[in-house]
C-alpha atoms as a PDB file:
ATOM      1  CA  MET A   1      93.807  48.877 114.136  1.00  0.00           C
ATOM      2  CA  SER A   2      92.251  52.172 115.259  1.00  0.00           C
ATOM      3  CA  ASP A   3      89.538  54.016 113.374  1.00  0.00           C
ATOM      4  CA  PRO A   4      90.613  55.900 110.268  1.00  0.00           C
ATOM      5  CA  GLU A   5      90.935  59.670 110.578  1.00  0.00           C
ATOM      6  CA  SER A   6      90.399  60.543 106.876  1.00  0.00           C
ATOM      7  CA  VAL A   7      88.118  58.607 104.584  1.00  0.00           C
ATOM      8  CA  VAL A   8      87.651  59.094 100.842  1.00  0.00           C
ATOM      9  CA  THR A   9      85.242  57.369  98.487  1.00  0.00           C
ATOM     10  CA  LEU A  10      86.700  56.112  95.222  1.00  0.00           C
ATOM     11  CA  VAL A  11      84.665  55.055  92.220  1.00  0.00           C
ATOM     12  CA  ASP A  12      86.059  52.308  89.990  1.00  0.00           C
ATOM     13  CA  GLU A  13      85.650  52.057  86.253  1.00  0.00           C
ATOM     14  CA  ASP A  14      82.430  50.054  86.721  1.00  0.00           C
ATOM     15  CA  GLY A  15      80.883  52.795  88.868  1.00  0.00           C
ATOM     16  CA  HIS A  16      81.200  50.883  92.161  1.00  0.00           C
ATOM     17  CA  GLU A  17      82.003  53.049  95.187  1.00  0.00           C
ATOM     18  CA  GLN A  18      84.384  51.958  97.955  1.00  0.00           C
ATOM     19  CA  ASP A  19      85.492  53.832 101.038  1.00  0.00           C
ATOM     20  CA  PHE A  20      89.234  54.059 101.714  1.00  0.00           C
ATOM     21  CA  ALA A  21      91.131  55.419 104.671  1.00  0.00           C
ATOM     22  CA  ILE A  22      94.203  57.528 104.130  1.00  0.00           C
ATOM     23  CA  ASP A  23      96.635  55.313 105.960  1.00  0.00           C
ATOM     24  CA  GLU A  24      99.790  57.327 105.312  1.00  0.00           C
ATOM     25  CA  ILE A  25     101.159  60.220 103.233  1.00  0.00           C
ATOM     26  CA  VAL A  26     104.726  59.710 102.028  1.00  0.00           C
ATOM     27  CA  GLU A  27     107.024  62.012 100.073  1.00  0.00           C
ATOM     28  CA  ILE A  28     109.174  60.545  97.326  1.00  0.00           C
ATOM     29  CA  ASP A  29     111.312  62.738  95.107  1.00  0.00           C
ATOM     30  CA  ASP A  30     109.527  65.879  96.396  1.00  0.00           C
ATOM     31  CA  VAL A  31     106.124  64.485  95.462  1.00  0.00           C
ATOM     32  CA  LYS A  32     103.512  63.418  98.026  1.00  0.00           C
ATOM     33  CA  TYR A  33     101.649  60.162  97.682  1.00  0.00           C
ATOM     34  CA  ALA A  34      98.698  58.850  99.722  1.00  0.00           C
ATOM     35  CA  ILE A  35      98.478  55.227 100.650  1.00  0.00           C
ATOM     36  CA  LEU A  36      94.833  54.243 100.917  1.00  0.00           C
ATOM     37  CA  ILE A  37      93.454  51.046 102.424  1.00  0.00           C
ATOM     38  CA  PRO A  38      89.798  49.847 102.407  1.00  0.00           C
ATOM     39  CA  VAL A  39      87.855  50.994 105.454  1.00  0.00           C
ATOM     40  CA  GLU A  40      86.798  47.352 105.956  1.00  0.00           C
ATOM     41  CA  CYS A  41      90.391  46.662 106.933  1.00  0.00           C
ATOM     42  CA  TYR A  42      89.840  48.786 110.053  1.00  0.00           C
ATOM     43  CA  GLU A  43      86.580  46.971 110.808  1.00  0.00           C
ATOM     44  CA  ASN A  44      87.743  43.310 110.572  1.00  0.00           C
ATOM     45  CA  GLU A  45      91.458  43.336 109.622  1.00  0.00           C
ATOM     46  CA  ASP A  46      90.904  40.657 106.963  1.00  0.00           C
ATOM     47  CA  GLU A  47      94.392  40.260 105.436  1.00  0.00           C
ATOM     48  CA  GLU A  48      93.006  39.815 101.964  1.00  0.00           C
ATOM     49  CA  ILE A  49      91.064  43.107 102.164  1.00  0.00           C
ATOM     50  CA  CYS A  50      94.002  44.900 103.707  1.00  0.00           C
ATOM     51  CA  GLU A  51      96.208  43.959 100.739  1.00  0.00           C
ATOM     52  CA  ASP A  52      93.993  46.048  98.417  1.00  0.00           C
ATOM     53  CA  ALA A  53      95.926  49.240  98.977  1.00  0.00           C
ATOM     54  CA  VAL A  54      95.673  52.097  96.486  1.00  0.00           C
ATOM     55  CA  ILE A  55      98.447  54.642  95.914  1.00  0.00           C
ATOM     56  CA  MET A  56      97.479  58.106  94.695  1.00  0.00           C
ATOM     57  CA  ARG A  57      99.403  61.257  94.021  1.00  0.00           C
ATOM     58  CA  VAL A  58      98.590  64.276  96.252  1.00  0.00           C
ATOM     59  CA  GLU A  59      98.123  67.321  94.006  1.00  0.00           C
ATOM     60  CA  VAL A  60      97.435  70.965  94.885  1.00  0.00           C
ATOM     61  CA  ASP A  61      94.809  73.031  93.060  1.00  0.00           C
ATOM     62  CA  ASP A  62      94.916  76.722  92.208  1.00  0.00           C
ATOM     63  CA  ASP A  63      93.426  77.575  95.659  1.00  0.00           C
ATOM     64  CA  GLY A  64      96.147  75.654  97.474  1.00  0.00           C
ATOM     65  CA  GLU A  65      93.807  72.799  98.380  1.00  0.00           C
ATOM     66  CA  GLU A  66      95.175  69.236  98.220  1.00  0.00           C
ATOM     67  CA  TYR A  67      93.344  66.557  96.287  1.00  0.00           C
ATOM     68  CA  LEU A  68      94.077  62.984  95.216  1.00  0.00           C
ATOM     69  CA  ALA A  69      94.895  62.086  91.613  1.00  0.00           C
ATOM     70  CA  ASP A  70      95.609  58.860  89.811  1.00  0.00           C
ATOM     71  CA  ILE A  71      99.257  58.164  88.963  1.00  0.00           C
ATOM     72  CA  GLU A  72      99.023  58.119  85.156  1.00  0.00           C
ATOM     73  CA  ASP A  73     102.675  57.316  84.349  1.00  0.00           C
ATOM     74  CA  ASP A  74     103.547  53.599  84.713  1.00  0.00           C
ATOM     75  CA  GLU A  75     107.214  54.300  85.400  1.00  0.00           C
ATOM     76  CA  GLU A  76     106.332  56.725  88.203  1.00  0.00           C
ATOM     77  CA  PHE A  77     103.918  54.178  89.691  1.00  0.00           C
ATOM     78  CA  GLU A  78     106.561  51.390  89.548  1.00  0.00           C
ATOM     79  CA  ARG A  79     109.150  53.665  91.191  1.00  0.00           C
ATOM     80  CA  VAL A  80     106.759  54.564  94.017  1.00  0.00           C
ATOM     81  CA  VAL A  81     105.851  50.884  94.582  1.00  0.00           C
ATOM     82  CA  GLU A  82     109.574  49.948  94.704  1.00  0.00           C
ATOM     83  CA  VAL A  83     110.310  52.631  97.306  1.00  0.00           C
ATOM     84  CA  LEU A  84     107.306  51.651  99.416  1.00  0.00           C
ATOM     85  CA  GLU A  85     108.201  47.966  99.217  1.00  0.00           C
ATOM     86  CA  ALA A  86     111.817  48.749 100.295  1.00  0.00           C
ATOM     87  CA  PHE A  87     110.401  50.861 103.139  1.00  0.00           C
ATOM     88  CA  ALA A  88     108.073  48.041 104.249  1.00  0.00           C
ATOM     89  CA  GLU A  89     110.960  45.550 104.200  1.00  0.00           C
ATOM     90  CA  ASP A  90     113.025  47.851 106.387  1.00  0.00           C
ATOM     91  CA  GLU A  91     110.115  48.269 108.784  1.00  0.00           C
ATOM     92  CA  PHE A  92     109.638  44.466 108.883  1.00  0.00           C
ATOM     93  CA  GLU A  93     113.367  43.914 109.551  1.00  0.00           C
ATOM     94  CA  ASP A  94     113.293  46.503 112.334  1.00  0.00           C
ATOM     95  CA  GLU A  95     110.345  44.725 113.941  1.00  0.00           C
ATOM     96  CA  ASP A  96     112.198  41.401 113.671  1.00  0.00           C
ATOM     97  CA  ASP A  97     115.301  42.929 115.285  1.00  0.00           C
ATOM     98  CA  GLU A  98     113.213  44.331 118.152  1.00  0.00           C
ATOM     99  CA  SER A  99     111.479  40.985 118.757  1.00  0.00           C
ATOM    100  CA  ASP A 100     114.813  39.180 118.709  1.00  0.00           C
ATOM    101  CA  GLU A 101     116.138  41.622 121.304  1.00  0.00           C
ATOM    102  CA  ASP A 102     113.068  41.106 123.419  1.00  0.00           C
ATOM    103  CA  GLU A 103     113.526  37.354 123.308  1.00  0.00           C
ATOM    104  CA  GLU A 104     117.186  37.713 124.353  1.00  0.00           C
ATOM    105  CA  ASP A 105     116.148  39.903 127.266  1.00  0.00           C
ATOM    106  CA  GLU A 106     113.846  37.163 128.555  1.00  0.00           C
ATOM    107  CA  TYR A 107     116.713  34.772 129.207  1.00  0.00           C
END
């Protein structure tokens, strides 16, 4: 995995800081969401660490600057997770199809 381009520091409810890389920005129902993964994932690709993704809403302030905000509504969060999981499944199936085609080409 290459180095992250954008890194943000999040503080949890206990005051612990952790650096996250903005892995991807997706738009769902005309709202942008940022998928953040721990920077450690880029450093050692530990699957357990890489599973600790955070999803945040991308908001725009009065000056037109984007910032990240928590998703407060549980229904909104669940909808976003469902869409992202469906997208990930499609990506996984596409990769499987490509590897199957590559295997067929070898024979």
